[in-house]
């Protein structure tokens, strides 16, 4: 898959000097200042139509929850509106260099998580929309998310601009740093908790450093054992997933006996067969567990309504749990604009993109295709439900804290892109100056304006009865 990225620009086996020349040459046809542009045409699709189009393939009784979450605020709307922005980004300037994209690189998709070696890492975490495409799209989605979050916090235009400039400058400077490194050093680069402390602690207040320490400590407690204690209870002496409808619904509460039995068999097969996509040692580990229970779970904002199952497995005894999440994978929202995935299934697309962009991935990350009880074939990817998890709280950030967090996100995104695209050409295109940084300040503000209009359109659609929203 990596060969496809560099082959897109013909740079795979060129010299560093030739690749840098291509990057600089791209400035002539696509000036860095041109990335300020966001001028939607009158033919821009109705944002509610786009959201409803996605909902058509989702679980009908969960769709109102998605609308309810998206109407809560412009930022929550933005989290669920990756498909809308994908169409908008398709009409913006692009330099011609492709990387593996996250596809939904808003600030809450950068977080603390565990490595297989039990180290606390900072990395990108959500890859439902991952696909090769123009590197600019991820940077623009990330930048706009900071403006939207900053507006929610009451930051001034100057403060928001400082956050975006810091974020994009970090991306640009780290990409230039990676451009000077060999392939293996880039591949081995990772940002663990100790590195983050050393890199950013001097910029933070004592209070913010303390908050970071507490967040990291809390993240370590958010694992399978914690989820096990929170999500399960004993029924007739057996461990079962506890009902919390509509967010968590055990299978026995979801379907009649015959249909439930068929679905249980399907999920059993999914877990058994998906193990074939794991490394052999991890497959051996998985085989030491047995399936004990399963339930439907509502996840995220944009993902609400997709089919998502949590599966409880038990190992040595009933106090040795493993909770897996099997989540439906549909076509990436980027596909109509960036091209279809070069994979046999959408689950493989997600897993391959995640493994390529993350410094280190969940040991149980894999995929499978199954036939549902309704006769439809669907793709899934599987991972641990929770394996350390620390999520940013932008609503608690002051401008200086959000600026530092933006720098960390920018560096992390640059590392992910440097692994999969032509880091030398992209770095040369960006250059040592700040024209691109300044352009994205304006772009992000313009897109935040559009996002507010789109959010209001959904609110109006709910009020008019066009769509139904529920709180959950």
Protein backbone atom coordinates (compact mmCIF):
# COMPACT_ATOMS: atom_id res chain seq x y z
CA UNK A 1 0.00 0.00 0.00
CA UNK A 2 2.85 2.42 0.73
CA UNK A 3 4.08 2.11 -2.85
CA UNK A 4 0.76 3.46 -4.07
CA UNK A 5 1.22 6.71 -2.15
CA UNK A 6 4.66 7.59 -3.52
CA UNK A 7 3.77 6.23 -6.96
CA UNK A 8 0.94 8.73 -7.17
CA UNK A 9 3.49 11.51 -7.58
CA UNK A 10 6.16 9.46 -9.32
CA UNK A 11 8.64 10.03 -6.48
CA UNK A 12 9.15 6.55 -5.08
CA UNK A 13 12.74 6.07 -6.26
CA UNK A 14 13.79 9.63 -7.09
CA UNK A 15 16.65 11.24 -5.22
CA UNK A 16 15.88 13.53 -2.27
CA UNK A 17 16.95 16.49 -4.40
CA UNK A 18 14.54 15.52 -7.18
CA UNK A 19 11.69 15.03 -4.70
CA UNK A 20 12.37 18.40 -3.09
CA UNK A 21 12.39 20.04 -6.52
CA UNK A 22 8.96 18.57 -7.25
CA UNK A 23 7.66 20.01 -4.00
CA UNK A 24 8.99 23.47 -4.71
CA UNK A 25 7.72 23.34 -8.30
CA UNK A 26 4.19 22.65 -7.04
CA UNK A 27 4.13 26.12 -5.48
CA UNK A 28 3.91 27.64 -8.95
CA UNK A 29 0.66 25.90 -9.88
CA UNK A 30 -0.76 25.81 -6.34
CA UNK A 31 0.63 28.72 -4.30
CA UNK A 32 0.67 28.10 -0.57
CA UNK A 33 -1.40 31.23 -0.07
CA UNK A 34 -4.15 29.71 -2.26
CA UNK A 35 -5.14 27.39 0.58
CA UNK A 36 -7.02 30.29 2.07
CA UNK A 37 -9.77 29.51 -0.41
CA UNK A 38 -13.16 28.24 0.65
CA UNK A 39 -15.93 29.47 -1.60
CA UNK A 40 -18.82 26.97 -1.81
CA UNK A 41 -20.80 27.06 -5.02
CA UNK A 42 -24.59 27.45 -5.22
CA UNK A 43 -24.67 23.76 -6.16
CA UNK A 44 -23.22 22.72 -2.81
CA UNK A 45 -25.36 19.84 -1.49
CA UNK A 46 -27.82 20.52 1.29
CA UNK A 47 -25.97 19.41 4.46
CA UNK A 48 -29.09 17.75 5.86
CA UNK A 49 -29.41 15.75 2.64
CA UNK A 50 -25.85 14.50 3.10
CA UNK A 51 -26.51 13.44 6.69
CA UNK A 52 -29.79 11.77 5.76
CA UNK A 53 -28.03 9.93 2.94
CA UNK A 54 -25.66 8.38 5.46
CA UNK A 55 -28.53 7.53 7.77
CA UNK A 56 -30.30 5.50 5.08
CA UNK A 57 -28.02 2.49 5.67
CA UNK A 58 -27.96 2.72 9.47
CA UNK A 59 -30.02 1.16 12.23
CA UNK A 60 -33.26 3.21 12.02
CA UNK A 61 -34.02 3.37 15.74
CA UNK A 62 -30.55 4.78 16.48
CA UNK A 63 -30.52 7.53 13.84
CA UNK A 64 -32.47 10.03 16.01
CA UNK A 65 -29.71 9.72 18.63
CA UNK A 66 -27.17 10.78 16.02
CA UNK A 67 -29.24 13.84 15.13
CA UNK A 68 -29.70 14.63 18.80
CA UNK A 69 -25.97 14.59 19.42
CA UNK A 70 -25.18 16.64 16.32
CA UNK A 71 -27.66 19.38 17.22
CA UNK A 72 -26.13 19.94 20.66
CA UNK A 73 -23.44 22.36 19.45
CA UNK A 74 -21.49 23.36 16.33
CA UNK A 75 -18.52 21.34 17.59
CA UNK A 76 -20.57 18.15 18.06
CA UNK A 77 -22.11 18.74 14.64
CA UNK A 78 -18.62 19.03 13.16
CA UNK A 79 -17.62 15.70 14.69
CA UNK A 80 -20.46 14.03 12.80
CA UNK A 81 -20.07 15.99 9.57
CA UNK A 82 -16.97 14.44 8.00
CA UNK A 83 -18.98 13.54 4.89
CA UNK A 84 -20.06 17.15 4.41
CA UNK A 85 -16.53 18.46 4.74
CA UNK A 86 -15.15 15.79 2.41
CA UNK A 87 -17.25 17.24 -0.41
CA UNK A 88 -16.15 20.76 0.50
CA UNK A 89 -12.45 19.84 0.61
CA UNK A 90 -12.68 18.26 -2.82
CA UNK A 91 -13.08 21.74 -4.30
CA UNK A 92 -10.12 23.29 -2.46
CA UNK A 93 -6.56 23.63 -3.83
CA UNK A 94 -4.25 20.64 -3.55
CA UNK A 95 -0.51 20.43 -4.18
CA UNK A 96 -0.71 16.98 -5.81
CA UNK A 97 1.00 14.92 -3.09
CA UNK A 98 -0.93 12.14 -1.38
CA UNK A 99 -0.59 10.46 1.98
CA UNK A 100 -2.70 8.05 3.98
CA UNK A 101 -5.38 10.27 5.50
CA UNK A 102 -7.12 9.86 8.82
CA UNK A 103 -10.15 11.31 7.04
CA UNK A 104 -11.61 12.72 10.27
CA UNK A 105 -8.67 14.49 11.86
CA UNK A 106 -10.51 16.73 14.32
CA UNK A 107 -8.81 17.46 17.62
CA UNK A 108 -10.73 14.87 19.69
CA UNK A 109 -9.38 12.10 17.49
CA UNK A 110 -5.90 12.74 18.92
CA UNK A 111 -5.51 11.14 22.34
CA UNK A 112 -3.58 9.04 24.82
CA UNK A 113 -3.61 5.28 24.28
CA UNK A 114 -1.61 2.17 25.15
CA UNK A 115 1.12 0.48 23.17
CA UNK A 116 1.48 -3.32 23.27
CA UNK A 117 4.55 -2.74 25.44
CA UNK A 118 2.29 -0.96 27.98
CA UNK A 119 3.63 2.50 27.35
CA UNK A 120 1.38 5.53 27.23
CA UNK A 121 1.37 6.96 23.71
CA UNK A 122 -0.12 10.02 22.06
CA UNK A 123 -1.49 9.31 18.60
CA UNK A 124 -4.42 9.50 16.21
CA UNK A 125 -7.18 7.13 17.23
CA UNK A 126 -10.11 7.12 14.75
CA UNK A 127 -9.69 5.68 11.27
CA UNK A 128 -13.22 4.95 10.09
CA UNK A 129 -12.70 7.28 7.11
CA UNK A 130 -9.03 6.56 6.40
CA UNK A 131 -8.01 6.56 2.73
CA UNK A 132 -5.12 7.80 0.58
CA UNK A 133 -5.69 11.39 -0.48
CA UNK A 134 -4.33 14.95 -0.49
CA UNK A 135 -2.42 15.62 2.72
CA UNK A 136 -3.96 19.09 2.96
CA UNK A 137 -7.40 17.66 3.76
CA UNK A 138 -6.37 16.29 7.16
CA UNK A 139 -4.55 19.50 8.09
CA UNK A 140 -7.55 21.62 7.13
CA UNK A 141 -10.01 19.48 9.08
CA UNK A 142 -7.75 19.65 12.14
CA UNK A 143 -7.34 23.42 11.84
CA UNK A 144 -11.05 24.09 11.51
CA UNK A 145 -11.77 21.94 14.57
CA UNK A 146 -9.58 24.20 16.69
CA UNK A 147 -11.41 27.31 15.52
CA UNK A 148 -14.79 25.72 16.27
CA UNK A 149 -13.61 24.60 19.72
CA UNK A 150 -12.07 28.03 20.36
CA UNK A 151 -15.32 29.78 19.49
CA UNK A 152 -17.18 27.51 21.91
CA UNK A 153 -14.75 28.62 24.63
CA UNK A 154 -15.20 32.29 23.84
CA UNK A 155 -11.67 32.78 22.49
CA UNK A 156 -11.05 35.98 20.54
CA UNK A 157 -10.23 35.88 16.81
CA UNK A 158 -6.61 36.67 17.69
CA UNK A 159 -6.45 33.80 20.18
CA UNK A 160 -7.98 31.38 17.69
CA UNK A 161 -5.54 32.48 15.03
CA UNK A 162 -2.67 31.82 17.42
CA UNK A 163 -3.91 28.27 18.01
CA UNK A 164 -4.24 27.50 14.29
CA UNK A 165 -0.87 29.05 13.42
CA UNK A 166 0.82 27.01 16.15
CA UNK A 167 -0.88 23.81 14.97
CA UNK A 168 0.03 24.26 11.30
CA UNK A 169 3.52 25.55 12.06
CA UNK A 170 4.14 22.42 14.13
CA UNK A 171 2.93 20.22 11.26
CA UNK A 172 5.17 22.09 8.80
CA UNK A 173 8.28 22.09 11.00
CA UNK A 174 7.95 18.44 11.94
CA UNK A 175 7.39 17.46 8.33
CA UNK A 176 10.63 19.27 7.46
CA UNK A 177 12.35 17.44 10.29
CA UNK A 178 11.07 14.08 9.05
CA UNK A 179 12.16 14.98 5.51
CA UNK A 180 15.76 15.02 6.73
CA UNK A 181 15.50 11.58 8.33
CA UNK A 182 15.94 8.12 6.86
CA UNK A 183 13.04 5.78 6.28
CA UNK A 184 13.60 3.62 9.37
CA UNK A 185 13.96 6.54 11.82
CA UNK A 186 10.70 7.96 10.50
CA UNK A 187 9.01 4.58 10.89
CA UNK A 188 10.27 4.16 14.44
CA UNK A 189 9.33 7.68 15.53
CA UNK A 190 6.69 7.72 18.25
CA UNK A 191 5.45 10.18 20.82
CA UNK A 192 5.16 8.57 24.23
CA UNK A 193 4.21 10.25 27.49
CA UNK A 194 7.83 10.94 28.48
CA UNK A 195 8.54 12.58 25.11
CA UNK A 196 5.44 14.75 25.37
CA UNK A 197 6.46 15.92 28.82
CA UNK A 198 9.98 16.77 27.72
CA UNK A 199 8.82 18.49 24.54
CA UNK A 200 5.94 20.56 25.86
CA UNK A 201 6.21 20.87 29.66
CA UNK A 202 8.25 24.11 29.49
CA UNK A 203 5.36 25.77 27.62
CA UNK A 204 2.73 24.77 30.17
CA UNK A 205 1.67 26.29 33.45
CA UNK A 206 2.04 24.24 36.64
CA UNK A 207 -1.73 23.80 36.69
CA UNK A 208 -1.81 22.47 33.13
CA UNK A 209 1.11 20.11 33.81
CA UNK A 210 -0.76 18.78 36.81
CA UNK A 211 -3.92 18.31 34.71
CA UNK A 212 -1.89 16.39 32.11
CA UNK A 213 -0.45 14.10 34.82
CA UNK A 214 -3.90 13.39 36.20
CA UNK A 215 -5.26 12.72 32.71
CA UNK A 216 -2.45 10.24 31.98
CA UNK A 217 -2.99 8.49 35.31
CA UNK A 218 -6.73 8.27 34.67
CA UNK A 219 -6.15 6.93 31.15
CA UNK A 220 -4.20 3.99 32.60
CA UNK A 221 -7.26 2.95 34.58
CA UNK A 222 -9.49 2.90 31.49
CA UNK A 223 -8.79 -0.66 30.39
CA UNK A 224 -10.64 -3.96 29.96
CA UNK A 225 -10.87 -4.50 33.71
CA UNK A 226 -12.40 -1.06 34.25
CA UNK A 227 -14.84 -1.57 31.37
CA UNK A 228 -15.61 -5.05 32.73
CA UNK A 229 -16.55 -3.63 36.11
CA UNK A 230 -18.64 -0.89 34.58
CA UNK A 231 -20.44 -2.83 31.87
CA UNK A 232 -21.12 -6.24 33.39
CA UNK A 233 -23.00 -7.85 36.28
CA UNK A 234 -23.81 -11.34 37.52
CA UNK A 235 -26.98 -13.07 36.36
CA UNK A 236 -27.65 -16.49 37.91
CA UNK A 237 -23.96 -16.75 38.71
CA UNK A 238 -22.83 -15.92 35.17
CA UNK A 239 -21.11 -12.75 33.99
CA UNK A 240 -23.31 -10.81 31.57
CA UNK A 241 -23.22 -7.40 29.92
CA UNK A 242 -25.58 -5.08 31.78
CA UNK A 243 -28.35 -3.31 29.87
CA UNK A 244 -28.20 0.47 29.53
CA UNK A 245 -30.63 1.12 26.66
CA UNK A 246 -30.42 2.54 24.13
CA UNK A 247 -26.64 2.94 24.54
CA UNK A 248 -25.91 -0.68 25.49
CA UNK A 249 -28.45 -3.39 24.63
CA UNK A 250 -27.64 -7.06 25.30
CA UNK A 251 -28.71 -9.40 22.51
CA UNK A 252 -31.32 -11.11 24.69
CA UNK A 253 -33.08 -7.73 25.00
CA UNK A 254 -32.69 -6.82 21.35
CA UNK A 255 -34.23 -9.64 19.32
CA UNK A 256 -36.69 -12.55 19.62
CA UNK A 257 -35.20 -15.95 20.41
CA UNK A 258 -34.84 -17.28 16.85
CA UNK A 259 -33.33 -14.11 15.41
CA UNK A 260 -31.14 -13.66 18.47
CA UNK A 261 -29.75 -17.15 18.08
CA UNK A 262 -28.90 -16.50 14.44
CA UNK A 263 -27.18 -13.22 15.30
CA UNK A 264 -25.22 -14.83 18.13
CA UNK A 265 -23.89 -17.43 15.69
CA UNK A 266 -22.95 -14.68 13.25
CA UNK A 267 -21.00 -12.74 15.87
CA UNK A 268 -19.35 -15.93 17.12
CA UNK A 269 -18.17 -16.61 13.56
CA UNK A 270 -17.01 -13.02 13.19
CA UNK A 271 -14.78 -13.27 16.27
CA UNK A 272 -13.48 -16.70 15.29
CA UNK A 273 -12.68 -15.81 11.69
CA UNK A 274 -11.36 -12.31 12.26
CA UNK A 275 -8.53 -13.89 14.25
CA UNK A 276 -7.06 -15.01 10.93
CA UNK A 277 -6.17 -11.36 10.23
CA UNK A 278 -4.04 -11.12 13.39
CA UNK A 279 -0.38 -11.97 13.75
CA UNK A 280 0.04 -15.64 14.64
CA UNK A 281 1.12 -14.97 18.24
CA UNK A 282 -1.86 -12.68 18.83
CA UNK A 283 -4.19 -15.20 17.22
CA UNK A 284 -2.85 -17.78 19.67
CA UNK A 285 -3.64 -15.40 22.54
CA UNK A 286 -7.18 -14.75 21.24
CA UNK A 287 -7.86 -18.48 21.01
CA UNK A 288 -7.33 -18.78 24.77
CA UNK A 289 -10.54 -16.80 25.36
CA UNK A 290 -14.15 -17.91 25.04
CA UNK A 291 -17.14 -15.75 24.12
CA UNK A 292 -19.39 -15.17 27.14
CA UNK A 293 -21.85 -12.46 26.04
CA UNK A 294 -22.49 -9.77 23.46
CA UNK A 295 -24.46 -6.54 23.12
CA UNK A 296 -25.15 -3.68 20.72
CA UNK A 297 -23.42 -0.41 21.61
CA UNK A 298 -23.97 3.18 20.47
CA UNK A 299 -20.64 4.89 19.79
CA UNK A 300 -19.38 8.37 18.93
CA UNK A 301 -21.29 11.07 17.10
CA UNK A 302 -20.81 10.51 13.39
CA UNK A 303 -20.82 6.73 13.89
CA UNK A 304 -24.16 6.55 15.69
CA UNK A 305 -26.44 4.17 13.81
CA UNK A 306 -23.69 2.00 12.38
CA UNK A 307 -23.74 -1.55 13.68
CA UNK A 308 -21.41 -1.90 16.62
CA UNK A 309 -21.16 -4.95 18.87
CA UNK A 310 -19.27 -5.35 22.10
CA UNK A 311 -18.24 -8.92 22.81
CA UNK A 312 -17.27 -10.14 26.27
CA UNK A 313 -14.67 -12.89 26.29
CA UNK A 314 -13.32 -14.64 29.37
CA UNK A 315 -9.89 -16.21 29.69
CA UNK A 316 -8.33 -17.99 32.67
CA UNK A 317 -11.53 -17.55 34.69
CA UNK A 318 -14.46 -15.16 35.08
CA UNK A 319 -12.14 -12.46 36.42
CA UNK A 320 -9.93 -12.50 33.32
CA UNK A 321 -11.94 -10.47 30.77
CA UNK A 322 -11.31 -9.24 27.27
CA UNK A 323 -13.83 -6.83 25.75
CA UNK A 324 -13.73 -6.50 21.98
CA UNK A 325 -15.62 -4.04 19.83
CA UNK A 326 -16.72 -5.09 16.35
CA UNK A 327 -17.68 -1.97 14.42
CA UNK A 328 -19.27 -1.78 11.00
CA UNK A 329 -17.01 -0.30 8.33
CA UNK A 330 -18.64 1.36 5.35
CA UNK A 331 -17.08 3.15 2.40
CA UNK A 332 -14.96 6.12 3.46
CA UNK A 333 -16.62 9.50 3.06
CA UNK A 334 -13.51 10.49 1.09
CA UNK A 335 -13.96 7.76 -1.54
CA UNK A 336 -16.20 9.73 -3.94
CA UNK A 337 -13.55 12.46 -4.08
CA UNK A 338 -10.22 10.69 -3.52
CA UNK A 339 -10.89 7.31 -5.16
CA UNK A 340 -11.95 3.91 -3.87
CA UNK A 341 -9.85 1.93 -1.42
CA UNK A 342 -7.39 -0.63 -2.75
CA UNK A 343 -8.62 -3.33 -0.37
CA UNK A 344 -10.99 -6.26 -0.61
CA UNK A 345 -13.13 -5.09 2.32
CA UNK A 346 -13.83 -1.85 4.14
CA UNK A 347 -12.71 -3.42 7.42
CA UNK A 348 -9.31 -4.16 5.90
CA UNK A 349 -9.19 -0.54 4.66
CA UNK A 350 -9.65 0.75 8.20
CA UNK A 351 -7.14 -1.63 9.76
CA UNK A 352 -4.50 -1.09 7.07
CA UNK A 353 -4.83 2.69 7.34
CA UNK A 354 -4.60 2.57 11.12
CA UNK A 355 -1.53 0.36 11.10
CA UNK A 356 0.12 2.63 8.56
CA UNK A 357 -0.58 5.90 10.37
CA UNK A 358 -0.24 4.91 14.02
CA UNK A 359 3.16 4.41 15.59
CA UNK A 360 1.81 1.32 17.33
CA UNK A 361 -1.62 -0.31 17.18
CA UNK A 362 -3.87 -2.49 19.33
CA UNK A 363 -2.72 -6.12 19.33
CA UNK A 364 -6.28 -7.29 18.66
CA UNK A 365 -6.90 -5.00 15.67
CA UNK A 366 -8.27 -6.98 12.72
CA UNK A 367 -11.18 -7.27 10.29
CA UNK A 368 -13.85 -9.61 8.93
CA UNK A 369 -16.77 -9.67 6.47
CA UNK A 370 -20.00 -11.37 7.55
CA UNK A 371 -23.50 -12.00 6.23
CA UNK A 372 -26.11 -10.50 8.55
CA UNK A 373 -29.38 -12.12 9.57
CA UNK A 374 -31.08 -9.77 7.09
CA UNK A 375 -29.06 -11.35 4.27
CA UNK A 376 -26.85 -8.29 3.75
CA UNK A 377 -23.08 -8.64 3.67
CA UNK A 378 -21.27 -6.15 5.91
CA UNK A 379 -17.67 -5.38 6.77
CA UNK A 380 -16.39 -4.97 10.32
CA UNK A 381 -13.17 -4.13 12.05
CA UNK A 382 -12.41 -5.39 15.54
CA UNK A 383 -10.31 -3.97 18.36
CA UNK A 384 -10.28 -3.84 22.13
CA UNK A 385 -13.14 -1.80 23.51
CA UNK A 386 -10.81 0.01 25.86
CA UNK A 387 -7.05 -0.27 26.30
CA UNK A 388 -6.07 2.87 28.17
CA UNK A 389 -7.88 5.92 26.89
CA UNK A 390 -7.23 9.58 27.55
CA UNK A 391 -9.38 12.08 25.69
CA UNK A 392 -8.77 15.84 25.53
CA UNK A 393 -11.28 18.20 27.13
CA UNK A 394 -11.19 21.25 24.86
CA UNK A 395 -13.93 22.98 26.85
CA UNK A 396 -11.50 23.17 29.80
CA UNK A 397 -8.62 24.62 27.75
CA UNK A 398 -7.40 28.19 27.91
CA UNK A 399 -5.85 29.66 24.74
CA UNK A 400 -2.27 28.80 25.76
CA UNK A 401 -3.23 25.21 26.59
CA UNK A 402 -5.13 24.74 23.35
CA UNK A 403 -2.20 26.20 21.42
CA UNK A 404 0.17 23.65 22.97
CA UNK A 405 -2.28 20.84 22.32
CA UNK A 406 -2.48 22.02 18.70
CA UNK A 407 1.31 21.82 18.42
CA UNK A 408 1.19 18.23 19.68
CA UNK A 409 -1.57 17.30 17.23
CA UNK A 410 0.30 18.96 14.35
CA UNK A 411 3.47 17.02 15.13
CA UNK A 412 1.53 13.77 15.43
CA UNK A 413 -0.25 14.27 12.11
CA UNK A 414 3.04 15.10 10.39
CA UNK A 415 4.57 11.86 11.69
CA UNK A 416 1.59 9.86 10.41
CA UNK A 417 1.73 11.52 6.99
CA UNK A 418 5.52 11.19 6.78
CA UNK A 419 5.20 7.40 7.09
CA UNK A 420 2.89 7.06 4.10
CA UNK A 421 3.56 9.95 1.71
CA UNK A 422 6.44 11.83 0.15
CA UNK A 423 7.63 13.74 3.20
CA UNK A 424 10.44 15.37 1.25
CA UNK A 425 8.18 16.81 -1.45
CA UNK A 426 5.57 17.96 1.09
CA UNK A 427 8.22 19.57 3.27
CA UNK A 428 9.74 21.35 0.28
CA UNK A 429 6.31 22.57 -0.78
CA UNK A 430 5.62 23.96 2.69
CA UNK A 431 9.07 25.53 3.01
CA UNK A 432 10.60 27.34 6.01
CA UNK A 433 8.20 30.30 5.84
CA UNK A 434 4.60 30.65 7.04
CA UNK A 435 2.42 31.36 3.94
CA UNK A 436 0.59 28.04 4.39
CA UNK A 437 0.16 28.62 8.13
CA UNK A 438 -1.40 32.03 7.56
CA UNK A 439 -3.64 30.76 4.77
CA UNK A 440 -5.10 28.08 7.01
CA UNK A 441 -5.95 30.62 9.71
CA UNK A 442 -8.34 32.27 7.27
CA UNK A 443 -9.56 28.97 5.79
CA UNK A 444 -10.35 27.60 9.25
CA UNK A 445 -12.37 30.67 10.20
CA UNK A 446 -14.30 30.55 6.95
CA UNK A 447 -15.04 26.88 7.38
CA UNK A 448 -16.13 27.40 10.98
CA UNK A 449 -18.66 29.92 9.63
CA UNK A 450 -19.93 27.31 7.19
CA UNK A 451 -20.10 24.69 9.93
CA UNK A 452 -22.27 27.00 12.03
CA UNK A 453 -24.64 27.48 9.11
CA UNK A 454 -24.79 23.72 8.54
CA UNK A 455 -25.42 23.08 12.22
CA UNK A 456 -28.26 25.58 12.16
CA UNK A 457 -29.69 23.86 9.09
CA UNK A 458 -29.91 20.60 11.04
CA UNK A 459 -31.44 22.36 14.06
CA UNK A 460 -34.03 23.91 11.75
CA UNK A 461 -34.73 20.53 10.14
CA UNK A 462 -35.44 19.07 13.58
CA UNK A 463 -37.73 21.95 14.51
CA UNK A 464 -39.59 21.60 11.23
CA UNK A 465 -40.10 17.88 11.78
CA UNK A 466 -38.02 16.93 8.75
CA UNK A 467 -35.85 14.71 10.96
CA UNK A 468 -36.30 13.45 14.49
CA UNK A 469 -33.73 14.00 17.22
CA UNK A 470 -33.46 12.22 20.56
CA UNK A 471 -31.19 12.76 23.55
CA UNK A 472 -29.21 9.77 24.81
